[in-house]
Every structure is written in structure tokens, then in C-alpha cells.
Amino acid sequence: LFFLLLIPSGAFAQSCAANPVAVQILGSGGPAI
């Protein structure tokens, strides 16, 4: 559980390949760190 808390929330990809058409966000942020 401690290890999971250290991993950023976006680190686990959802599978997109199973959908006929799908949008995947690679980057959801702006210019700020």
C-alpha cells in the first residue's frame, strides 16, 4: 500500500485497444510542473 501511494495516479494505463474507437489522454496537464 505504501508503494502504491508513491506512484502518481496516472501511472497505470487503461486499455484502449478493446474499443472500436477510443480517446486516450497521454497528458492532461498544462505548462506548470
PDB file of all heavy atoms in Angstrom:
ATOM      1  N   LEU A   1       0.829  -1.205   0.000  1.00  0.00           N
ATOM      2  CA  LEU A   1       0.000   0.000   0.000  1.00  0.00           C
ATOM      3  C   LEU A   1       0.864   1.257   0.000  1.00  0.00           C
ATOM      4  O   LEU A   1       0.551   2.242  -0.685  1.00  0.00           O
ATOM      5  CB  LEU A   1      -0.936  -0.002   1.214  1.00  0.00           C
ATOM      6  CG  LEU A   1      -2.080  -1.032   1.182  1.00  0.00           C
ATOM      7  CD1 LEU A   1      -2.827  -1.034   2.514  1.00  0.00           C
ATOM      8  CD2 LEU A   1      -3.030  -0.730   0.032  1.00  0.00           C
ATOM      9  N   PHE A   2       1.947   1.233   0.757  1.00  0.00           N
ATOM     10  CA  PHE A   2       2.854   2.386   0.782  1.00  0.00           C
ATOM     11  C   PHE A   2       3.468   2.599  -0.595  1.00  0.00           C
ATOM     12  O   PHE A   2       3.586   3.732  -1.079  1.00  0.00           O
ATOM     13  CB  PHE A   2       3.957   2.149   1.817  1.00  0.00           C
ATOM     14  CG  PHE A   2       4.971   3.253   1.882  1.00  0.00           C
ATOM     15  CD1 PHE A   2       4.662   4.468   2.478  1.00  0.00           C
ATOM     16  CD2 PHE A   2       6.240   3.090   1.329  1.00  0.00           C
ATOM     17  CE1 PHE A   2       5.600   5.491   2.520  1.00  0.00           C
ATOM     18  CE2 PHE A   2       7.174   4.111   1.372  1.00  0.00           C
ATOM     19  CZ  PHE A   2       6.845   5.306   1.988  1.00  0.00           C
ATOM     20  N   PHE A   3       3.825   1.498  -1.271  1.00  0.00           N
ATOM     21  CA  PHE A   3       4.386   1.587  -2.628  1.00  0.00           C
ATOM     22  C   PHE A   3       3.387   2.225  -3.586  1.00  0.00           C
ATOM     23  O   PHE A   3       3.736   3.078  -4.408  1.00  0.00           O
ATOM     24  CB  PHE A   3       4.773   0.188  -3.102  1.00  0.00           C
ATOM     25  CG  PHE A   3       5.203   0.129  -4.541  1.00  0.00           C
ATOM     26  CD1 PHE A   3       6.439   0.623  -4.939  1.00  0.00           C
ATOM     27  CD2 PHE A   3       4.371  -0.431  -5.502  1.00  0.00           C
ATOM     28  CE1 PHE A   3       6.831   0.560  -6.262  1.00  0.00           C
ATOM     29  CE2 PHE A   3       4.758  -0.487  -6.827  1.00  0.00           C
ATOM     30  CZ  PHE A   3       5.998   0.006  -7.199  1.00  0.00           C
ATOM     31  N   LEU A   4       2.121   1.834  -3.497  1.00  0.00           N
ATOM     32  CA  LEU A   4       1.092   2.394  -4.371  1.00  0.00           C
ATOM     33  C   LEU A   4       0.933   3.889  -4.162  1.00  0.00           C
ATOM     34  O   LEU A   4       0.697   4.644  -5.113  1.00  0.00           O
ATOM     35  CB  LEU A   4      -0.246   1.695  -4.135  1.00  0.00           C
ATOM     36  CG  LEU A   4      -0.362   0.245  -4.624  1.00  0.00           C
ATOM     37  CD1 LEU A   4      -1.734  -0.317  -4.273  1.00  0.00           C
ATOM     38  CD2 LEU A   4      -0.132   0.161  -6.122  1.00  0.00           C
ATOM     39  N   LEU A   5       1.045   4.340  -2.919  1.00  0.00           N
ATOM     40  CA  LEU A   5       0.901   5.765  -2.632  1.00  0.00           C
ATOM     41  C   LEU A   5       2.013   6.587  -3.253  1.00  0.00           C
ATOM     42  O   LEU A   5       1.837   7.782  -3.519  1.00  0.00           O
ATOM     43  CB  LEU A   5       0.876   5.991  -1.113  1.00  0.00           C
ATOM     44  CG  LEU A   5      -0.381   5.503  -0.386  1.00  0.00           C
ATOM     45  CD1 LEU A   5      -0.200   5.641   1.119  1.00  0.00           C
ATOM     46  CD2 LEU A   5      -1.618   6.271  -0.849  1.00  0.00           C
ATOM     47  N   LEU A   6       3.151   5.969  -3.504  1.00  0.00           N
ATOM     48  CA  LEU A   6       4.276   6.686  -4.089  1.00  0.00           C
ATOM     49  C   LEU A   6       4.154   6.840  -5.593  1.00  0.00           C
ATOM     50  O   LEU A   6       4.861   7.660  -6.197  1.00  0.00           O
ATOM     51  CB  LEU A   6       5.591   5.953  -3.771  1.00  0.00           C
ATOM     52  CG  LEU A   6       6.007   5.914  -2.302  1.00  0.00           C
ATOM     53  CD1 LEU A   6       7.301   5.116  -2.172  1.00  0.00           C
ATOM     54  CD2 LEU A   6       6.178   7.314  -1.733  1.00  0.00           C
ATOM     55  N   ILE A   7       3.274   6.069  -6.236  1.00  0.00           N
ATOM     56  CA  ILE A   7       3.146   6.085  -7.686  1.00  0.00           C
ATOM     57  C   ILE A   7       2.124   7.125  -8.095  1.00  0.00           C
ATOM     58  O   ILE A   7       1.030   7.158  -7.562  1.00  0.00           O
ATOM     59  CB  ILE A   7       2.710   4.703  -8.219  1.00  0.00           C
ATOM     60  CG1 ILE A   7       3.752   3.647  -7.830  1.00  0.00           C
ATOM     61  CG2 ILE A   7       2.518   4.739  -9.724  1.00  0.00           C
ATOM     62  CD1 ILE A   7       3.377   2.261  -8.245  1.00  0.00           C
ATOM     63  N   PRO A   8       2.460   8.051  -8.999  1.00  0.00           N
ATOM     64  CA  PRO A   8       1.491   9.029  -9.476  1.00  0.00           C
ATOM     65  C   PRO A   8       0.238   8.348 -10.005  1.00  0.00           C
ATOM     66  O   PRO A   8       0.279   7.251 -10.550  1.00  0.00           O
ATOM     67  CB  PRO A   8       2.244   9.756 -10.608  1.00  0.00           C
ATOM     68  CG  PRO A   8       3.688   9.578 -10.269  1.00  0.00           C
ATOM     69  CD  PRO A   8       3.776   8.231  -9.619  1.00  0.00           C
ATOM     70  N   SER A   9      -0.909   9.034  -9.840  1.00  0.00           N
ATOM     71  CA  SER A   9      -2.207   8.448 -10.157  1.00  0.00           C
ATOM     72  C   SER A   9      -2.322   8.042 -11.615  1.00  0.00           C
ATOM     73  O   SER A   9      -3.110   7.176 -11.959  1.00  0.00           O
ATOM     74  CB  SER A   9      -3.315   9.433  -9.808  1.00  0.00           C
ATOM     75  OG  SER A   9      -3.155  10.635 -10.529  1.00  0.00           O
ATOM     76  N   GLY A  10      -1.571   8.681 -12.528  1.00  0.00           N
ATOM     77  CA  GLY A  10      -1.699   8.365 -13.947  1.00  0.00           C
ATOM     78  C   GLY A  10      -0.790   7.250 -14.420  1.00  0.00           C
ATOM     79  O   GLY A  10      -0.694   7.018 -15.611  1.00  0.00           O
ATOM     80  N   ALA A  11      -0.096   6.551 -13.504  1.00  0.00           N
ATOM     81  CA  ALA A  11       0.947   5.627 -13.927  1.00  0.00           C
ATOM     82  C   ALA A  11       0.412   4.303 -14.457  1.00  0.00           C
ATOM     83  O   ALA A  11       1.150   3.535 -15.021  1.00  0.00           O
ATOM     84  CB  ALA A  11       1.907   5.360 -12.770  1.00  0.00           C
ATOM     85  N   PHE A  12      -0.877   4.006 -14.234  1.00  0.00           N
ATOM     86  CA  PHE A  12      -1.426   2.755 -14.714  1.00  0.00           C
ATOM     87  C   PHE A  12      -2.336   3.037 -15.906  1.00  0.00           C
ATOM     88  O   PHE A  12      -3.348   3.710 -15.775  1.00  0.00           O
ATOM     89  CB  PHE A  12      -2.216   2.043 -13.605  1.00  0.00           C
ATOM     90  CG  PHE A  12      -1.344   1.598 -12.464  1.00  0.00           C
ATOM     91  CD1 PHE A  12      -1.354   2.288 -11.266  1.00  0.00           C
ATOM     92  CD2 PHE A  12      -0.502   0.505 -12.593  1.00  0.00           C
ATOM     93  CE1 PHE A  12      -0.546   1.887 -10.212  1.00  0.00           C
ATOM     94  CE2 PHE A  12       0.304   0.093 -11.543  1.00  0.00           C
ATOM     95  CZ  PHE A  12       0.283   0.785 -10.350  1.00  0.00           C
ATOM     96  N   ALA A  13      -1.973   2.516 -17.074  1.00  0.00           N
ATOM     97  CA  ALA A  13      -2.734   2.786 -18.289  1.00  0.00           C
ATOM     98  C   ALA A  13      -4.008   1.949 -18.326  1.00  0.00           C
ATOM     99  O   ALA A  13      -4.005   0.782 -17.950  1.00  0.00           O
ATOM    100  CB  ALA A  13      -1.882   2.488 -19.515  1.00  0.00           C
ATOM    101  N   GLN A  14      -5.096   2.582 -18.755  1.00  0.00           N
ATOM    102  CA  GLN A  14      -6.293   1.844 -19.069  1.00  0.00           C
ATOM    103  C   GLN A  14      -6.161   1.315 -20.495  1.00  0.00           C
ATOM    104  O   GLN A  14      -5.636   1.986 -21.360  1.00  0.00           O
ATOM    105  CB  GLN A  14      -7.523   2.748 -18.954  1.00  0.00           C
ATOM    106  CG  GLN A  14      -7.730   3.335 -17.570  1.00  0.00           C
ATOM    107  CD  GLN A  14      -8.939   4.260 -17.534  1.00  0.00           C
ATOM    108  OE1 GLN A  14      -9.861   4.116 -18.311  1.00  0.00           O
ATOM    109  NE2 GLN A  14      -8.923   5.211 -16.614  1.00  0.00           N
ATOM    110  N   SER A  15      -6.643   0.102 -20.736  1.00  0.00           N
ATOM    111  CA  SER A  15      -6.527  -0.472 -22.071  1.00  0.00           C
ATOM    112  C   SER A  15      -7.493   0.213 -23.020  1.00  0.00           C
ATOM    113  O   SER A  15      -8.683   0.340 -22.741  1.00  0.00           O
ATOM    114  CB  SER A  15      -6.826  -1.974 -22.020  1.00  0.00           C
ATOM    115  OG  SER A  15      -6.853  -2.507 -23.327  1.00  0.00           O
ATOM    116  N   CYS A  16      -6.968   0.670 -24.153  1.00  0.00           N
ATOM    117  CA  CYS A  16      -7.802   1.286 -25.176  1.00  0.00           C
ATOM    118  C   CYS A  16      -8.036   0.368 -26.362  1.00  0.00           C
ATOM    119  O   CYS A  16      -8.926   0.622 -27.178  1.00  0.00           O
ATOM    120  CB  CYS A  16      -7.151   2.581 -25.671  1.00  0.00           C
ATOM    121  SG  CYS A  16      -7.537   4.018 -24.656  1.00  0.00           S
ATOM    122  N   ALA A  17      -7.243  -0.664 -26.502  1.00  0.00           N
ATOM    123  CA  ALA A  17      -7.256  -1.486 -27.705  1.00  0.00           C
ATOM    124  C   ALA A  17      -8.538  -2.304 -27.853  1.00  0.00           C
ATOM    125  O   ALA A  17      -8.844  -2.780 -28.934  1.00  0.00           O
ATOM    126  CB  ALA A  17      -6.050  -2.416 -27.709  1.00  0.00           C
ATOM    127  N   ALA A  18      -9.308  -2.474 -26.779  1.00  0.00           N
ATOM    128  CA  ALA A  18     -10.504  -3.312 -26.838  1.00  0.00           C
ATOM    129  C   ALA A  18     -11.727  -2.568 -27.367  1.00  0.00           C
ATOM    130  O   ALA A  18     -12.787  -3.162 -27.549  1.00  0.00           O
ATOM    131  CB  ALA A  18     -10.815  -3.872 -25.453  1.00  0.00           C
ATOM    132  N   ASN A  19     -11.611  -1.257 -27.626  1.00  0.00           N
ATOM    133  CA  ASN A  19     -12.744  -0.446 -28.052  1.00  0.00           C
ATOM    134  C   ASN A  19     -12.741  -0.235 -29.560  1.00  0.00           C
ATOM    135  O   ASN A  19     -11.676  -0.146 -30.176  1.00  0.00           O
ATOM    136  CB  ASN A  19     -12.692   0.923 -27.365  1.00  0.00           C
ATOM    137  CG  ASN A  19     -12.749   0.814 -25.856  1.00  0.00           C
ATOM    138  OD1 ASN A  19     -13.755   0.419 -25.299  1.00  0.00           O
ATOM    139  ND2 ASN A  19     -11.656   1.164 -25.200  1.00  0.00           N
ATOM    140  N   PRO A  20     -13.931  -0.117 -30.189  1.00  0.00           N
ATOM    141  CA  PRO A  20     -13.956   0.212 -31.625  1.00  0.00           C
ATOM    142  C   PRO A  20     -13.261   1.531 -31.915  1.00  0.00           C
ATOM    143  O   PRO A  20     -12.441   1.621 -32.821  1.00  0.00           O
ATOM    144  CB  PRO A  20     -15.456   0.270 -31.941  1.00  0.00           C
ATOM    145  CG  PRO A  20     -16.110  -0.567 -30.888  1.00  0.00           C
ATOM    146  CD  PRO A  20     -15.285  -0.376 -29.656  1.00  0.00           C
ATOM    147  N   VAL A  21     -13.602   2.580 -31.145  1.00  0.00           N
ATOM    148  CA  VAL A  21     -12.936   3.878 -31.220  1.00  0.00           C
ATOM    149  C   VAL A  21     -12.830   4.416 -29.800  1.00  0.00           C
ATOM    150  O   VAL A  21     -13.799   4.349 -29.032  1.00  0.00           O
ATOM    151  CB  VAL A  21     -13.707   4.890 -32.095  1.00  0.00           C
ATOM    152  CG1 VAL A  21     -12.959   6.223 -32.170  1.00  0.00           C
ATOM    153  CG2 VAL A  21     -13.943   4.339 -33.505  1.00  0.00           C
ATOM    154  N   ALA A  22     -11.668   4.960 -29.442  1.00  0.00           N
ATOM    155  CA  ALA A  22     -11.481   5.467 -28.085  1.00  0.00           C
ATOM    156  C   ALA A  22     -10.495   6.630 -28.084  1.00  0.00           C
ATOM    157  O   ALA A  22      -9.576   6.679 -28.904  1.00  0.00           O
ATOM    158  CB  ALA A  22     -10.987   4.360 -27.155  1.00  0.00           C
ATOM    159  N   VAL A  23     -10.706   7.550 -27.160  1.00  0.00           N
ATOM    160  CA  VAL A  23      -9.788   8.658 -26.917  1.00  0.00           C
ATOM    161  C   VAL A  23      -8.957   8.327 -25.693  1.00  0.00           C
ATOM    162  O   VAL A  23      -9.508   7.961 -24.642  1.00  0.00           O
ATOM    163  CB  VAL A  23     -10.546   9.976 -26.661  1.00  0.00           C
ATOM    164  CG1 VAL A  23      -9.579  11.082 -26.269  1.00  0.00           C
ATOM    165  CG2 VAL A  23     -11.349  10.380 -27.883  1.00  0.00           C
ATOM    166  N   GLN A  24      -7.648   8.432 -25.826  1.00  0.00           N
ATOM    167  CA  GLN A  24      -6.777   8.255 -24.672  1.00  0.00           C
ATOM    168  C   GLN A  24      -6.001   9.539 -24.427  1.00  0.00           C
ATOM    169  O   GLN A  24      -5.397  10.098 -25.347  1.00  0.00           O
ATOM    170  CB  GLN A  24      -5.807   7.095 -24.845  1.00  0.00           C
ATOM    171  CG  GLN A  24      -4.979   6.837 -23.583  1.00  0.00           C
ATOM    172  CD  GLN A  24      -4.246   5.519 -23.615  1.00  0.00           C
ATOM    173  OE1 GLN A  24      -3.842   5.058 -24.674  1.00  0.00           O
ATOM    174  NE2 GLN A  24      -4.057   4.908 -22.455  1.00  0.00           N
ATOM    175  N   ILE A  25      -6.025   9.986 -23.194  1.00  0.00           N
ATOM    176  CA  ILE A  25      -5.261  11.164 -22.805  1.00  0.00           C
ATOM    177  C   ILE A  25      -3.863  10.715 -22.395  1.00  0.00           C
ATOM    178  O   ILE A  25      -3.709   9.908 -21.482  1.00  0.00           O
ATOM    179  CB  ILE A  25      -5.936  11.901 -21.634  1.00  0.00           C
ATOM    180  CG1 ILE A  25      -7.319  12.390 -22.037  1.00  0.00           C
ATOM    181  CG2 ILE A  25      -5.070  13.063 -21.158  1.00  0.00           C
ATOM    182  CD1 ILE A  25      -8.095  13.030 -20.898  1.00  0.00           C
ATOM    183  N   LEU A  26      -2.856  11.215 -23.088  1.00  0.00           N
ATOM    184  CA  LEU A  26      -1.480  10.964 -22.664  1.00  0.00           C
ATOM    185  C   LEU A  26      -1.041  11.999 -21.650  1.00  0.00           C
ATOM    186  O   LEU A  26      -0.363  11.683 -20.676  1.00  0.00           O
ATOM    187  CB  LEU A  26      -0.547  10.968 -23.872  1.00  0.00           C
ATOM    188  CG  LEU A  26      -0.775   9.891 -24.928  1.00  0.00           C
ATOM    189  CD1 LEU A  26       0.305   9.966 -26.002  1.00  0.00           C
ATOM    190  CD2 LEU A  26      -0.829   8.500 -24.314  1.00  0.00           C
ATOM    191  N   GLY A  27      -1.410  13.260 -21.902  1.00  0.00           N
ATOM    192  CA  GLY A  27      -1.057  14.336 -20.987  1.00  0.00           C
ATOM    193  C   GLY A  27      -2.262  15.210 -20.727  1.00  0.00           C
ATOM    194  O   GLY A  27      -2.837  15.779 -21.651  1.00  0.00           O
ATOM    195  N   SER A  28      -2.672  15.324 -19.470  1.00  0.00           N
ATOM    196  CA  SER A  28      -3.871  16.070 -19.101  1.00  0.00           C
ATOM    197  C   SER A  28      -3.550  17.402 -18.438  1.00  0.00           C
ATOM    198  O   SER A  28      -4.460  18.100 -17.982  1.00  0.00           O
ATOM    199  CB  SER A  28      -4.738  15.236 -18.151  1.00  0.00           C
ATOM    200  OG  SER A  28      -4.017  14.942 -16.952  1.00  0.00           O
ATOM    201  N   GLY A  29      -2.261  17.760 -18.376  1.00  0.00           N
ATOM    202  CA  GLY A  29      -1.868  18.981 -17.686  1.00  0.00           C
ATOM    203  C   GLY A  29      -1.496  20.099 -18.637  1.00  0.00           C
ATOM    204  O   GLY A  29      -1.587  19.975 -19.857  1.00  0.00           O
ATOM    205  N   GLY A  30      -1.073  21.204 -18.051  1.00  0.00           N
ATOM    206  CA  GLY A  30      -0.652  22.363 -18.822  1.00  0.00           C
ATOM    207  C   GLY A  30       0.847  22.571 -18.711  1.00  0.00           C
ATOM    208  O   GLY A  30       1.605  21.619 -18.517  1.00  0.00           O
ATOM    209  N   PRO A  31       1.302  23.818 -18.788  1.00  0.00           N
ATOM    210  CA  PRO A  31       2.737  24.079 -18.769  1.00  0.00           C
ATOM    211  C   PRO A  31       3.380  24.001 -17.386  1.00  0.00           C
ATOM    212  O   PRO A  31       4.591  23.813 -17.284  1.00  0.00           O
ATOM    213  CB  PRO A  31       2.835  25.502 -19.341  1.00  0.00           C
ATOM    214  CG  PRO A  31       1.520  26.127 -19.023  1.00  0.00           C
ATOM    215  CD  PRO A  31       0.509  25.020 -19.132  1.00  0.00           C
ATOM    216  N   ALA A  32       2.584  24.132 -16.327  1.00  0.00           N
ATOM    217  CA  ALA A  32       3.159  24.116 -14.977  1.00  0.00           C
ATOM    218  C   ALA A  32       3.565  22.700 -14.576  1.00  0.00           C
ATOM    219  O   ALA A  32       2.961  21.713 -15.008  1.00  0.00           O
ATOM    220  CB  ALA A  32       2.158  24.671 -13.970  1.00  0.00           C
ATOM    221  N   ILE A  33       4.591  22.593 -13.738  1.00  0.00           N
ATOM    222  CA  ILE A  33       5.036  21.291 -13.258  1.00  0.00           C
ATOM    223  C   ILE A  33       3.940  20.648 -12.420  1.00  0.00           C
ATOM    224  O   ILE A  33       3.380  21.258 -11.513  1.00  0.00           O
ATOM    225  CB  ILE A  33       6.326  21.426 -12.437  1.00  0.00           C
ATOM    226  CG1 ILE A  33       7.486  21.880 -13.335  1.00  0.00           C
ATOM    227  CG2 ILE A  33       6.674  20.104 -11.760  1.00  0.00           C
ATOM    228  CD1 ILE A  33       8.753  22.203 -12.581  1.00  0.00           C
TER     229      ILE A  33
END
